[in-house]
Amino acid sequence: LVWTGLLGGGFLALSLLAVFAIGWTGPPPTFNMAGMAMKGVEVRSKWVDLKDISPHLVRAVIASEDQNFCTHDGFDIKEIQKAMQAAENGGDLRGASTISQQTAKNVFLWNGGGWFRKGLEAYFTVVMEKMWSKPRIMETYLNVAEWGDGIYGAEQAAQERFKVSAKDLNPRQAAALAAVLPSPNRWKVNGQYASGRRNTRIQSLMAMVKRDKLDACVVGP
């Protein structure tokens, strides 16, 4: 019991310190990046501030990945309930992870399932939402997200996929990048999936994301 208490207390202290420090300095290379490097894939990434990322991409990932990002506290209960209901009705099990949860996983943990990792993901999501602002979560997410072929971060993805800076992405390009986020090594940004119907759908959803609400949520320190 004593050792369990010491280990638990140590993990709590170190994890809180890590979340606080990374919130100020930005994350080191992630486990996902390290895993790709160990497979012999050249990892390419360039960090940029949120102000240097096109608002079209911010709108696109919110529209595609987490439409309630600005209003939830890390977990989208309605989407979780929908996913559970679909599974109970015999449908495919689909994810209901928010951008906050994906950021927690990408920065502090590793890919893969399992209740243990899911539990840690939930813990880091709660702590992160308490310590970081929504703009900081979005900025971090867009800088550690994977876009396939060892490409990480919006700036690197924009340069390699479209030969432009992240701040110059247009709505079509932003929607294409958002379209492949669920499976970046399966779908190609310039492929039929990301540039066809899925792209059109995301652009329609982007138009529904109210700009005043988005600005109040994402623009900040």
Protein backbone atom coordinates (compact mmCIF):
# COMPACT_ATOMS: atom_id res chain seq x y z
CA LEU A 1 0.00 0.00 0.00
CA VAL A 2 2.83 2.38 0.82
CA TRP A 3 4.60 1.71 -2.48
CA THR A 4 1.34 1.99 -4.38
CA GLY A 5 0.67 5.33 -2.74
CA LEU A 6 4.18 6.58 -3.51
CA LEU A 7 3.99 5.47 -7.14
CA GLY A 8 0.53 6.96 -7.55
CA GLY A 9 1.60 10.24 -5.98
CA GLY A 10 4.73 10.35 -8.10
CA PHE A 11 2.78 9.76 -11.31
CA LEU A 12 0.26 12.43 -10.38
CA ALA A 13 2.95 15.01 -9.62
CA LEU A 14 5.01 14.25 -12.74
CA SER A 15 1.99 14.17 -15.05
CA LEU A 16 0.67 17.50 -13.76
CA LEU A 17 4.14 19.03 -14.17
CA ALA A 18 4.43 17.61 -17.69
CA VAL A 19 1.07 18.99 -18.80
CA PHE A 20 1.85 22.40 -17.32
CA ALA A 21 5.34 22.57 -18.85
CA ILE A 22 4.29 21.36 -22.29
CA GLY A 23 1.45 23.86 -22.24
CA TRP A 24 4.08 26.60 -22.15
CA THR A 25 6.93 25.17 -24.19
CA GLY A 26 5.22 22.86 -26.69
CA PRO A 27 5.63 19.09 -26.83
CA PRO A 28 8.84 17.16 -27.55
CA PRO A 29 8.82 14.54 -30.35
CA THR A 30 5.88 12.23 -29.70
CA PHE A 31 5.76 8.45 -29.26
CA ASN A 32 4.06 8.25 -32.64
CA MET A 33 6.91 10.13 -34.30
CA ALA A 34 9.46 7.91 -32.55
CA GLY A 35 7.61 4.80 -33.70
CA MET A 36 7.65 5.97 -37.32
CA ALA A 37 11.36 6.78 -37.08
CA MET A 38 12.07 3.30 -35.70
CA LYS A 39 10.36 1.86 -38.78
CA GLY A 40 12.85 3.69 -40.95
CA VAL A 41 10.44 6.45 -42.03
CA GLU A 42 11.91 9.95 -42.23
CA VAL A 43 9.92 12.12 -39.80
CA ARG A 44 9.38 15.69 -40.97
CA SER A 45 7.76 18.34 -38.80
CA LYS A 46 7.80 22.11 -38.37
CA TRP A 47 6.06 23.93 -35.52
CA VAL A 48 4.17 27.15 -36.24
CA ASP A 49 2.00 29.35 -34.04
CA LEU A 50 -1.77 29.19 -34.42
CA LYS A 51 -1.80 32.68 -35.93
CA ASP A 52 0.31 31.30 -38.79
CA ILE A 53 -2.21 28.58 -39.64
CA SER A 54 -5.10 29.34 -41.98
CA PRO A 55 -8.46 29.73 -40.20
CA HIS A 56 -9.84 27.58 -43.03
CA LEU A 57 -7.88 24.62 -41.62
CA VAL A 58 -9.08 25.35 -38.09
CA ARG A 59 -12.65 25.41 -39.34
CA ALA A 60 -12.09 22.27 -41.42
CA VAL A 61 -10.79 20.13 -38.55
CA ILE A 62 -13.55 21.35 -36.24
CA ALA A 63 -16.17 20.60 -38.91
CA SER A 64 -14.68 17.20 -39.69
CA GLU A 65 -13.40 15.97 -36.34
CA ASP A 66 -15.17 17.72 -33.47
CA GLN A 67 -18.00 20.16 -34.17
CA ASN A 68 -18.56 20.79 -30.45
CA PHE A 69 -14.89 21.55 -29.72
CA CYS A 70 -15.67 25.08 -28.59
CA THR A 71 -18.36 24.08 -26.09
CA HIS A 72 -17.34 20.76 -24.51
CA ASP A 73 -14.91 20.21 -21.63
CA GLY A 74 -12.89 17.54 -23.40
CA PHE A 75 -15.57 14.90 -24.04
CA ASP A 76 -18.53 15.03 -26.41
CA ILE A 77 -21.16 13.07 -24.49
CA LYS A 78 -23.70 13.26 -27.30
CA GLU A 79 -21.29 11.77 -29.83
CA ILE A 80 -20.30 9.03 -27.37
CA GLN A 81 -23.95 8.15 -26.88
CA LYS A 82 -24.51 8.10 -30.66
CA ALA A 83 -21.52 5.79 -31.15
CA MET A 84 -22.74 3.44 -28.41
CA GLN A 85 -26.25 3.41 -29.83
CA ALA A 86 -24.95 2.63 -33.32
CA ALA A 87 -22.88 -0.26 -31.95
CA GLU A 88 -25.87 -1.64 -30.02
CA ASN A 89 -27.92 -1.54 -33.23
CA GLY A 90 -25.38 -3.68 -35.03
CA GLY A 91 -23.53 -0.91 -36.82
CA ASP A 92 -19.78 -0.52 -37.07
CA LEU A 93 -18.05 0.72 -33.96
CA ARG A 94 -17.00 4.29 -34.70
CA GLY A 95 -14.82 6.64 -32.76
CA ALA A 96 -16.14 9.59 -30.81
CA SER A 97 -12.84 11.11 -29.72
CA THR A 98 -12.70 14.88 -29.50
CA ILE A 99 -9.82 17.05 -30.66
CA SER A 100 -8.86 17.37 -26.98
CA GLN A 101 -8.70 13.59 -26.58
CA GLN A 102 -6.71 13.18 -29.78
CA THR A 103 -4.28 15.87 -28.62
CA ALA A 104 -3.83 14.14 -25.26
CA LYS A 105 -3.16 10.82 -27.02
CA ASN A 106 -0.78 12.29 -29.59
CA VAL A 107 1.26 14.31 -27.09
CA PHE A 108 1.41 12.10 -24.00
CA LEU A 109 0.58 8.55 -25.14
CA TRP A 110 0.75 6.12 -28.04
CA ASN A 111 -1.51 4.72 -30.74
CA GLY A 112 -3.58 1.62 -30.16
CA GLY A 113 -6.54 0.60 -28.08
CA GLY A 114 -6.89 -0.97 -24.70
CA TRP A 115 -8.68 0.22 -21.60
CA PHE A 116 -5.45 1.20 -19.86
CA ARG A 117 -4.44 3.64 -22.60
CA LYS A 118 -8.01 4.91 -22.87
CA GLY A 119 -8.02 5.57 -19.14
CA LEU A 120 -4.78 7.51 -19.35
CA GLU A 121 -6.13 9.41 -22.34
CA ALA A 122 -9.22 10.44 -20.36
CA TYR A 123 -7.04 11.53 -17.42
CA PHE A 124 -4.70 13.65 -19.56
CA THR A 125 -7.69 15.13 -21.41
CA VAL A 126 -9.23 16.34 -18.15
CA VAL A 127 -5.95 17.82 -16.90
CA MET A 128 -5.16 19.40 -20.25
CA GLU A 129 -8.58 21.04 -20.52
CA LYS A 130 -8.09 22.54 -17.05
CA MET A 131 -4.56 23.84 -17.69
CA TRP A 132 -4.61 24.80 -21.38
CA SER A 133 -6.79 27.20 -23.31
CA LYS A 134 -8.79 26.07 -26.33
CA PRO A 135 -6.42 27.98 -28.67
CA ARG A 136 -3.44 26.15 -27.14
CA ILE A 137 -5.12 22.77 -27.56
CA MET A 138 -5.93 23.54 -31.20
CA GLU A 139 -2.44 24.86 -31.88
CA THR A 140 -0.85 21.76 -30.39
CA TYR A 141 -3.21 19.41 -32.21
CA LEU A 142 -2.47 20.97 -35.59
CA ASN A 143 1.28 20.79 -34.96
CA VAL A 144 1.46 17.13 -33.88
CA ALA A 145 -1.24 15.66 -36.13
CA GLU A 146 0.01 13.09 -38.64
CA TRP A 147 -0.61 13.57 -42.36
CA GLY A 148 1.02 10.39 -43.65
CA ASP A 149 4.47 9.47 -45.02
CA GLY A 150 6.21 10.77 -41.88
CA ILE A 151 4.66 14.24 -42.19
CA TYR A 152 3.57 15.85 -38.92
CA GLY A 153 2.05 19.25 -38.38
CA ALA A 154 0.00 21.58 -40.55
CA GLU A 155 2.96 23.60 -41.85
CA GLN A 156 4.88 20.56 -43.06
CA ALA A 157 1.73 19.04 -44.56
CA ALA A 158 0.79 22.24 -46.39
CA GLN A 159 4.28 22.65 -47.84
CA GLU A 160 4.66 19.05 -48.97
CA ARG A 161 1.10 18.45 -50.21
CA PHE A 162 0.26 21.83 -51.73
CA LYS A 163 3.56 23.77 -51.90
CA VAL A 164 2.14 26.58 -49.77
CA SER A 165 2.50 27.72 -46.18
CA ALA A 166 -0.14 26.65 -43.66
CA LYS A 167 -1.36 30.23 -43.38
CA ASP A 168 -2.11 30.31 -47.13
CA LEU A 169 -4.28 27.18 -47.33
CA ASN A 170 -7.56 27.79 -49.15
CA PRO A 171 -10.86 26.10 -48.15
CA ARG A 172 -10.48 23.21 -50.63
CA GLN A 173 -6.92 22.45 -49.49
CA ALA A 174 -7.90 22.73 -45.82
CA ALA A 175 -10.82 20.34 -46.32
CA ALA A 176 -8.52 17.85 -48.08
CA LEU A 177 -6.10 17.88 -45.15
CA ALA A 178 -8.92 17.45 -42.64
CA ALA A 179 -10.46 14.62 -44.67
CA VAL A 180 -7.51 12.26 -44.19
CA LEU A 181 -6.88 12.86 -40.47
CA PRO A 182 -8.73 9.71 -39.29
CA SER A 183 -6.37 7.52 -41.37
CA PRO A 184 -3.53 9.58 -42.87
CA ASN A 185 -1.50 6.61 -44.10
CA ARG A 186 -4.48 5.04 -45.84
CA TRP A 187 -6.05 8.06 -47.55
CA LYS A 188 -4.02 10.50 -49.61
CA VAL A 189 -4.56 14.25 -49.44
CA ASN A 190 -4.49 14.51 -53.22
CA GLY A 191 -6.47 11.31 -53.74
CA GLN A 192 -10.06 10.82 -54.82
CA TYR A 193 -11.40 10.43 -51.26
CA ALA A 194 -9.97 13.73 -49.97
CA SER A 195 -10.70 15.74 -53.09
CA GLY A 196 -14.12 14.35 -53.98
CA ARG A 197 -17.39 14.05 -52.12
CA ARG A 198 -15.77 14.06 -48.69
CA ASN A 199 -14.08 17.37 -49.49
CA THR A 200 -17.36 18.92 -50.59
CA ARG A 201 -19.07 17.67 -47.44
CA ILE A 202 -16.42 19.16 -45.16
CA GLN A 203 -16.55 22.50 -46.96
CA SER A 204 -20.33 22.57 -46.45
CA LEU A 205 -19.84 21.90 -42.74
CA MET A 206 -17.15 24.59 -42.59
CA ALA A 207 -19.68 27.14 -43.81
CA MET A 208 -21.95 26.17 -40.91
CA VAL A 209 -19.26 26.82 -38.29
CA LYS A 210 -20.13 30.30 -37.09
CA ARG A 211 -17.12 32.55 -37.37
CA ASP A 212 -17.95 34.71 -34.35
CA LYS A 213 -18.27 31.59 -32.17
CA LEU A 214 -15.06 30.17 -33.62
CA ASP A 215 -13.13 33.38 -33.05
CA ALA A 216 -14.26 33.57 -29.44
CA CYS A 217 -13.13 30.00 -28.90
CA VAL A 218 -9.89 29.67 -30.84
CA VAL A 219 -8.37 33.15 -31.09
CA GLY A 220 -6.42 33.86 -27.97
CA PRO A 221 -3.02 33.59 -26.27
